[in-house]
Amino acid sequence: MKLKDLYQGFRDPATIHSLAAEIKRLAELVDEPINIMEVCGGHTHTIMKYGLLQLLPDNIKFIHGPGCPVCVMPKERIDHAIALANEPNVILVSLGDMIRVPGSTGSLANHRAKGCDIRAIYDPLDTLKIAEDNPDKTVVFFAIGFETSTPMTAALIEQAEKQSVNNLLFHINHVLVPPAIDAVMAEKKSKVNAFIGPAHVSVISGAKIYQAAVDQYHTPVVVSGFEPVDVMQSILSIVKQKVAKQPKLEVQYTRSVSFDGNLHAQQLVNRYFEPRDEFRWRGLGPIAKSALQLKPEYQRRDAEHHFKSILSTEPIDDHKACQCADILRGLAGPKECKVFGRGCTPETPLGSCMVSSEGACNAYYRYGDILNG
């Protein structure tokens, strides 16, 4: 079977409508609202792009979660990247979405236009060649992402170590999904009573990382793929658990996710990283043990240590009109923000939820016609 045909199967309208009918039938047997947080912005975009909201009964609601790595990055961390990029003889390298996220003095794109050497890449290993080609410069990789992308940063560190590329430093901003779920559930106003977990995270970390959430909060967690049939199957699994009143951990994305995950990737990450005591998330605030940092033996590669005299640790608030913080905490929807689609658009974003390709506001803006159609 060709890959194109396989994907068409996961987008088959008849299958989607059949799943929707079964969801609607069973949802009538549930005596409470089913408030599903899809943790990852990739699921948000699937839900919006394929009009899945319109197919679901009124007692199923989506609450958009903090699983967008660019969206949860606080302004002070973006300001770190800007400060580093403005240092003499520094080349700052990061993933594409990061370039346009606003800090307190503009975005990295703004500072690149002013002459800073800031480079967007899609494969972290490309940073190695940049460092090798510029031996007289300090190259800083501004690393972002959840458990999915952390092994790629670890692989880059390993290659830099093996090849003695000593002008390559790292500013680490890798965050973890389970502590973010704990922070959402700790919010007194939270209405979340089910989770769709991102499959790409569990390909690395395994489905096991969600078992504690099921046990502690007595809520279903289904690890889902990102195609519309994947999402609808996951919703159906959640509804079945609600009918049975037996919350559990399920893996919908069995074609790639196991309970234990990629043990080799986990070992690679553990070789170079350890949990931070605390990390401040945009919208969620400081969360203990929710992010990673380089181990002490690799401190010589830590840009935060090397440039600590110019990197402020003071928290910076978001734009007063932007409700991205509430959206990331599941307390508001994109269209509840007064500047959504007015002062805040993908071309002129006030907050990270609009600028990121995985952001909830970006999804609502991009696919709003489908939602209203």
Protein backbone atom coordinates (compact mmCIF):
# COMPACT_ATOMS: atom_id res chain seq x y z
CA MET A 1 0.00 0.00 0.00
CA LYS A 2 1.30 3.45 -0.91
CA LEU A 3 1.82 5.97 1.92
CA LYS A 4 -0.64 8.36 0.27
CA ASP A 5 -3.35 5.68 0.25
CA LEU A 6 -2.64 4.83 3.87
CA TYR A 7 -3.14 8.43 4.95
CA GLN A 8 -6.33 8.68 2.91
CA GLY A 9 -7.65 5.77 4.94
CA PHE A 10 -7.06 7.71 8.14
CA ARG A 11 -9.01 10.62 6.62
CA ASP A 12 -11.86 8.61 5.14
CA PRO A 13 -15.14 10.56 5.56
CA ALA A 14 -17.29 7.43 5.86
CA THR A 15 -15.12 6.08 8.67
CA ILE A 16 -15.13 9.43 10.45
CA HIS A 17 -18.93 9.73 10.25
CA SER A 18 -19.37 6.15 11.42
CA LEU A 19 -17.21 6.85 14.46
CA ALA A 20 -19.12 10.08 15.10
CA ALA A 21 -22.43 8.20 15.11
CA GLU A 22 -21.15 5.68 17.65
CA ILE A 23 -19.70 8.47 19.81
CA LYS A 24 -23.04 10.28 19.79
CA ARG A 25 -24.96 7.10 20.67
CA LEU A 26 -22.75 6.27 23.65
CA ALA A 27 -22.32 9.86 24.84
CA GLU A 28 -26.06 9.97 25.58
CA LEU A 29 -25.42 7.36 28.30
CA VAL A 30 -22.91 9.59 30.12
CA ASP A 31 -24.39 11.69 32.91
CA GLU A 32 -21.67 14.37 33.00
CA PRO A 33 -20.00 16.70 30.49
CA ILE A 34 -16.98 15.10 28.83
CA ASN A 35 -14.29 17.77 28.84
CA ILE A 36 -11.32 16.45 26.88
CA MET A 37 -7.98 18.21 26.96
CA GLU A 38 -5.99 17.43 23.86
CA VAL A 39 -2.55 18.14 25.25
CA CYS A 40 -0.80 18.76 21.93
CA GLY A 41 -1.41 21.58 19.47
CA GLY A 42 -1.10 19.08 16.62
CA HIS A 43 -4.37 17.50 17.76
CA THR A 44 -5.97 20.94 17.99
CA HIS A 45 -5.13 21.59 14.35
CA THR A 46 -6.55 18.22 13.28
CA ILE A 47 -9.78 18.86 15.19
CA MET A 48 -10.15 22.28 13.58
CA LYS A 49 -8.94 21.46 10.07
CA TYR A 50 -11.24 18.47 9.60
CA GLY A 51 -14.27 20.02 11.32
CA LEU A 52 -14.46 17.32 13.98
CA LEU A 53 -16.13 19.65 16.48
CA GLN A 54 -19.29 19.80 14.38
CA LEU A 55 -19.59 16.01 14.38
CA LEU A 56 -19.65 15.63 18.16
CA PRO A 57 -22.58 15.83 20.60
CA ASP A 58 -23.02 18.88 22.81
CA ASN A 59 -21.78 17.16 25.96
CA ILE A 60 -18.29 16.66 24.53
CA LYS A 61 -16.06 19.71 24.74
CA PHE A 62 -12.40 20.24 23.91
CA ILE A 63 -10.09 22.16 26.20
CA HIS A 64 -6.85 23.03 24.48
CA GLY A 65 -3.74 22.07 26.41
CA PRO A 66 -0.19 23.37 26.94
CA GLY A 67 1.47 20.89 24.57
CA CYS A 68 2.89 23.48 22.18
CA PRO A 69 6.58 23.97 23.05
CA VAL A 70 6.77 27.44 21.53
CA CYS A 71 3.53 28.55 23.20
CA VAL A 72 4.65 27.67 26.74
CA MET A 73 8.00 29.46 26.45
CA PRO A 74 7.94 32.49 28.80
CA LYS A 75 9.13 35.85 27.55
CA GLU A 76 12.23 35.87 29.73
CA ARG A 77 13.52 32.74 27.98
CA ILE A 78 12.93 34.35 24.59
CA ASP A 79 14.78 37.40 25.89
CA HIS A 80 17.67 35.05 26.73
CA ALA A 81 17.83 34.03 23.08
CA ILE A 82 17.75 37.67 21.98
CA ALA A 83 20.48 38.63 24.47
CA LEU A 84 22.67 35.78 23.24
CA ALA A 85 22.11 36.71 19.61
CA ASN A 86 23.21 40.28 20.35
CA GLU A 87 26.53 39.16 21.84
CA PRO A 88 29.60 39.74 19.63
CA ASN A 89 30.72 36.70 17.64
CA VAL A 90 27.68 34.61 18.56
CA ILE A 91 25.55 32.68 16.08
CA LEU A 92 22.18 31.73 17.55
CA VAL A 93 20.47 28.65 16.07
CA SER A 94 16.93 27.46 16.79
CA LEU A 95 13.94 25.70 15.25
CA GLY A 96 11.77 27.63 12.79
CA ASP A 97 8.73 28.55 14.92
CA MET A 98 10.90 30.07 17.63
CA ILE A 99 12.12 32.86 15.38
CA ARG A 100 8.81 34.78 15.34
CA VAL A 101 7.72 34.48 18.99
CA PRO A 102 7.67 37.92 20.63
CA GLY A 103 9.84 38.63 23.65
CA SER A 104 9.90 41.92 25.53
CA THR A 105 12.02 43.65 22.85
CA GLY A 106 10.54 42.09 19.74
CA SER A 107 11.21 38.69 18.22
CA LEU A 108 14.34 36.93 17.03
CA ALA A 109 13.20 37.78 13.50
CA ASN A 110 13.21 41.48 14.41
CA HIS A 111 16.73 41.22 15.77
CA ARG A 112 17.91 39.23 12.76
CA ALA A 113 16.70 42.11 10.59
CA LYS A 114 18.89 44.40 12.70
CA GLY A 115 21.98 42.35 11.88
CA CYS A 116 22.15 39.56 14.46
CA ASP A 117 23.29 36.20 13.10
CA ILE A 118 20.20 34.08 13.85
CA ARG A 119 19.59 30.91 11.88
CA ALA A 120 16.45 28.77 11.70
CA ILE A 121 16.99 25.06 11.16
CA TYR A 122 14.75 21.98 10.99
CA ASP A 123 17.33 19.32 11.86
CA PRO A 124 19.31 20.04 15.05
CA LEU A 125 22.31 18.18 13.62
CA ASP A 126 22.65 20.99 11.05
CA THR A 127 23.97 23.06 13.97
CA LEU A 128 27.10 20.92 14.03
CA LYS A 129 28.10 22.01 10.53
CA ILE A 130 27.40 25.65 11.37
CA ALA A 131 29.78 25.38 14.33
CA GLU A 132 32.42 23.56 12.26
CA ASP A 133 32.19 26.18 9.49
CA ASN A 134 32.56 29.04 11.98
CA PRO A 135 35.39 28.04 14.37
CA ASP A 136 35.99 31.67 15.37
CA LYS A 137 32.36 32.09 16.54
CA THR A 138 30.40 30.77 19.50
CA VAL A 139 27.38 28.88 18.20
CA VAL A 140 24.45 28.58 20.63
CA PHE A 141 21.69 26.07 19.97
CA PHE A 142 18.47 27.30 21.59
CA ALA A 143 16.85 23.92 22.21
CA ILE A 144 13.08 23.68 22.63
CA GLY A 145 10.48 20.94 22.66
CA PHE A 146 8.88 18.16 24.68
CA GLU A 147 10.09 14.58 25.08
CA THR A 148 9.77 14.15 21.30
CA SER A 149 12.65 16.41 20.31
CA THR A 150 14.92 16.02 23.35
CA PRO A 151 16.74 12.94 21.94
CA MET A 152 17.73 14.98 18.87
CA THR A 153 19.39 17.58 21.10
CA ALA A 154 21.09 14.77 23.05
CA ALA A 155 22.35 13.30 19.76
CA LEU A 156 23.73 16.72 18.80
CA ILE A 157 25.56 16.98 22.13
CA GLU A 158 26.96 13.49 21.66
CA GLN A 159 28.32 14.32 18.21
CA ALA A 160 29.80 17.60 19.45
CA GLU A 161 31.55 15.67 22.22
CA LYS A 162 32.83 12.93 19.91
CA GLN A 163 34.09 15.41 17.32
CA SER A 164 35.43 17.93 19.90
CA VAL A 165 33.40 20.78 18.44
CA ASN A 166 34.09 23.03 21.43
CA ASN A 167 32.52 26.25 20.13
CA LEU A 168 29.00 24.78 20.34
CA LEU A 169 26.94 25.69 23.43
CA PHE A 170 23.35 24.87 24.39
CA HIS A 171 20.51 26.87 25.93
CA ILE A 172 18.18 24.09 27.07
CA ASN A 173 14.40 24.60 27.14
CA HIS A 174 13.16 21.02 26.92
CA VAL A 175 9.97 20.53 28.92
CA LEU A 176 7.99 17.49 30.07
CA VAL A 177 4.32 16.58 29.57
CA PRO A 178 3.37 14.83 32.87
CA PRO A 179 4.19 17.82 35.16
CA ALA A 180 2.12 20.06 32.87
CA ILE A 181 -0.86 17.70 33.26
CA ASP A 182 -0.41 17.92 37.04
CA ALA A 183 -0.40 21.71 36.83
CA VAL A 184 -3.60 21.73 34.77
CA MET A 185 -5.36 19.41 37.21
CA ALA A 186 -4.16 21.46 40.20
CA GLU A 187 -6.05 24.49 38.84
CA LYS A 188 -9.21 24.81 40.95
CA LYS A 189 -11.22 26.07 37.98
CA SER A 190 -10.17 23.21 35.73
CA LYS A 191 -13.01 21.22 34.17
CA VAL A 192 -10.81 18.65 32.45
CA ASN A 193 -11.93 15.06 33.02
CA ALA A 194 -10.20 13.25 30.13
CA PHE A 195 -6.96 13.58 28.18
CA ILE A 196 -5.80 12.83 24.66
CA GLY A 197 -2.03 12.35 24.89
CA PRO A 198 0.30 13.06 21.95
CA ALA A 199 1.58 9.92 20.25
CA HIS A 200 4.92 11.36 19.18
CA VAL A 201 5.85 12.01 22.82
CA SER A 202 5.02 8.41 23.75
CA VAL A 203 6.98 7.01 20.81
CA ILE A 204 9.98 8.20 22.83
CA SER A 205 8.81 8.05 26.46
CA GLY A 206 6.22 5.31 26.17
CA ALA A 207 2.59 5.40 27.24
CA LYS A 208 3.77 4.69 30.79
CA ILE A 209 4.30 8.40 31.50
CA TYR A 210 0.51 8.90 31.72
CA GLN A 211 -0.28 6.08 34.14
CA ALA A 212 0.22 8.33 37.16
CA ALA A 213 -2.39 10.79 35.84
CA VAL A 214 -4.95 7.99 35.45
CA ASP A 215 -4.23 6.70 38.95
CA GLN A 216 -4.16 10.09 40.67
CA TYR A 217 -7.00 11.91 38.91
CA HIS A 218 -9.18 8.93 37.94
CA THR A 219 -9.48 10.24 34.40
CA PRO A 220 -9.13 8.50 31.04
CA VAL A 221 -5.96 9.06 29.03
CA VAL A 222 -5.78 7.87 25.43
CA VAL A 223 -2.52 8.19 23.50
CA SER A 224 -3.58 9.20 20.02
CA GLY A 225 -2.23 9.65 16.53
CA PHE A 226 -2.81 12.89 14.66
CA GLU A 227 -5.02 11.88 11.75
CA PRO A 228 -8.78 12.56 12.02
CA VAL A 229 -9.67 8.86 12.32
CA ASP A 230 -7.05 8.55 15.08
CA VAL A 231 -8.63 11.41 17.01
CA MET A 232 -12.19 10.12 16.55
CA GLN A 233 -11.16 6.62 17.68
CA SER A 234 -9.56 8.18 20.75
CA ILE A 235 -12.70 10.15 21.57
CA LEU A 236 -14.74 6.96 21.23
CA SER A 237 -12.38 5.19 23.65
CA ILE A 238 -12.83 7.99 26.17
CA VAL A 239 -16.63 7.86 25.85
CA LYS A 240 -16.60 4.08 26.35
CA GLN A 241 -14.54 4.52 29.51
CA LYS A 242 -17.00 7.14 30.74
CA VAL A 243 -19.93 4.82 30.09
CA ALA A 244 -18.20 2.00 31.97
CA LYS A 245 -17.01 4.42 34.68
CA GLN A 246 -13.61 2.76 34.48
CA PRO A 247 -10.87 5.29 33.64
CA LYS A 248 -7.70 3.75 32.27
CA LEU A 249 -4.70 4.33 30.05
CA GLU A 250 -5.19 3.27 26.44
CA VAL A 251 -2.99 3.45 23.36
CA GLN A 252 -4.88 4.23 20.17
CA TYR A 253 -1.67 4.75 18.18
CA THR A 254 -0.58 1.13 18.45
CA ARG A 255 1.24 1.30 15.14
CA SER A 256 4.12 3.18 16.80
CA VAL A 257 3.57 3.53 20.57
CA SER A 258 4.44 0.94 23.19
CA PHE A 259 4.05 1.07 26.95
CA ASP A 260 7.81 1.44 27.56
CA GLY A 261 8.77 3.57 24.54
CA ASN A 262 12.17 3.92 22.90
CA LEU A 263 14.59 2.78 25.59
CA HIS A 264 17.67 3.71 23.54
CA ALA A 265 16.42 7.30 23.15
CA GLN A 266 15.60 7.48 26.87
CA GLN A 267 19.14 6.31 27.73
CA LEU A 268 20.61 8.93 25.39
CA VAL A 269 18.58 11.69 27.07
CA ASN A 270 19.50 10.48 30.56
CA ARG A 271 23.17 10.51 29.60
CA TYR A 272 23.21 14.28 29.13
CA PHE A 273 20.19 15.71 30.98
CA GLU A 274 18.68 15.87 34.45
CA PRO A 275 15.47 17.55 35.75
CA ARG A 276 15.59 21.21 36.73
CA ASP A 277 14.37 22.08 40.19
CA GLU A 278 11.80 24.40 38.59
CA PHE A 279 10.88 25.91 35.23
CA ARG A 280 8.42 28.73 34.55
CA TRP A 281 5.83 27.97 31.87
CA ARG A 282 3.89 30.65 30.07
CA GLY A 283 0.36 30.48 31.46
CA LEU A 284 1.08 27.80 34.04
CA GLY A 285 3.78 29.53 36.07
CA PRO A 286 6.65 27.74 37.84
CA ILE A 287 6.37 23.94 37.82
CA ALA A 288 8.78 21.75 39.77
CA LYS A 289 10.78 19.11 37.86
CA SER A 290 9.00 20.06 34.62
CA ALA A 291 12.03 20.71 32.42
CA LEU A 292 15.53 19.45 31.79
CA GLN A 293 19.00 20.90 32.07
CA LEU A 294 22.49 19.72 31.19
CA LYS A 295 24.17 17.53 33.78
CA PRO A 296 27.03 19.18 35.74
CA GLU A 297 29.70 17.30 33.80
CA TYR A 298 28.54 19.11 30.61
CA GLN A 299 28.30 22.57 32.19
CA ARG A 300 31.05 23.81 29.86
CA ARG A 301 28.46 23.56 27.07
CA ASP A 302 25.73 25.35 29.03
CA ALA A 303 25.05 28.80 27.54
CA GLU A 304 23.10 29.80 30.66
CA HIS A 305 26.23 29.20 32.73
CA HIS A 306 28.65 30.70 30.21
CA PHE A 307 26.60 33.89 29.69
CA LYS A 308 24.95 34.10 33.13
CA SER A 309 26.03 37.72 33.63
CA ILE A 310 23.77 38.91 30.77
CA LEU A 311 20.78 36.59 31.21
CA SER A 312 18.08 37.88 33.55
CA THR A 313 15.99 35.44 35.57
CA GLU A 314 13.21 37.92 36.33
CA PRO A 315 9.79 36.80 35.03
CA ILE A 316 8.21 38.95 32.31
CA ASP A 317 4.44 39.24 31.94
CA ASP A 318 2.62 38.81 28.65
CA HIS A 319 0.81 41.59 26.80
CA LYS A 320 -2.11 42.68 28.98
CA ALA A 321 -4.67 42.19 26.20
CA CYS A 322 -3.48 38.66 25.38
CA GLN A 323 -5.26 35.72 27.02
CA CYS A 324 -2.74 33.10 25.94
CA ALA A 325 -2.03 32.27 29.58
CA ASP A 326 -5.67 31.36 30.25
CA ILE A 327 -5.89 29.41 26.99
CA LEU A 328 -2.82 27.33 27.94
CA ARG A 329 -4.36 26.61 31.36
CA GLY A 330 -7.61 25.45 29.77
CA LEU A 331 -9.60 28.31 31.31
CA ALA A 332 -10.47 30.13 28.08
CA GLY A 333 -10.89 29.46 24.39
CA PRO A 334 -9.15 31.44 21.63
CA LYS A 335 -12.31 33.27 20.60
CA GLU A 336 -12.83 34.52 24.15
CA CYS A 337 -9.74 36.70 23.75
CA LYS A 338 -10.72 40.27 22.84
CA VAL A 339 -7.79 40.75 20.47
CA PHE A 340 -8.20 37.42 18.64
CA GLY A 341 -8.34 38.08 14.89
CA ARG A 342 -8.19 41.83 15.48
CA GLY A 343 -4.97 43.09 17.01
CA CYS A 344 -3.62 39.54 17.14
CA THR A 345 -3.22 37.53 13.91
CA PRO A 346 -0.51 35.17 12.60
CA GLU A 347 0.99 38.16 10.75
CA THR A 348 0.93 40.42 13.84
CA PRO A 349 0.87 38.07 16.85
CA LEU A 350 0.63 39.44 20.38
CA GLY A 351 1.06 36.03 21.98
CA SER A 352 2.73 32.70 21.35
CA CYS A 353 -0.58 30.85 20.90
CA MET A 354 -1.06 32.76 17.66
CA VAL A 355 2.49 32.77 16.31
CA SER A 356 3.20 29.06 16.63
CA SER A 357 2.05 26.68 13.92
CA GLU A 358 0.83 24.42 16.76
CA GLY A 359 -0.88 27.17 18.75
CA ALA A 360 -4.61 26.97 19.51
CA CYS A 361 -5.23 30.56 18.40
CA ASN A 362 -3.40 29.90 15.15
CA ALA A 363 -5.63 26.87 14.53
CA TYR A 364 -8.85 28.78 15.23
CA TYR A 365 -7.73 31.66 13.02
CA ARG A 366 -6.60 29.39 10.18
CA TYR A 367 -9.64 27.09 10.19
CA GLY A 368 -12.33 29.41 11.49
CA ASP A 369 -14.30 29.21 8.25
CA ILE A 370 -14.60 25.44 8.70
CA LEU A 371 -15.78 25.87 12.26
CA ASN A 372 -18.38 28.45 11.26
CA GLY A 373 -19.37 26.72 8.05
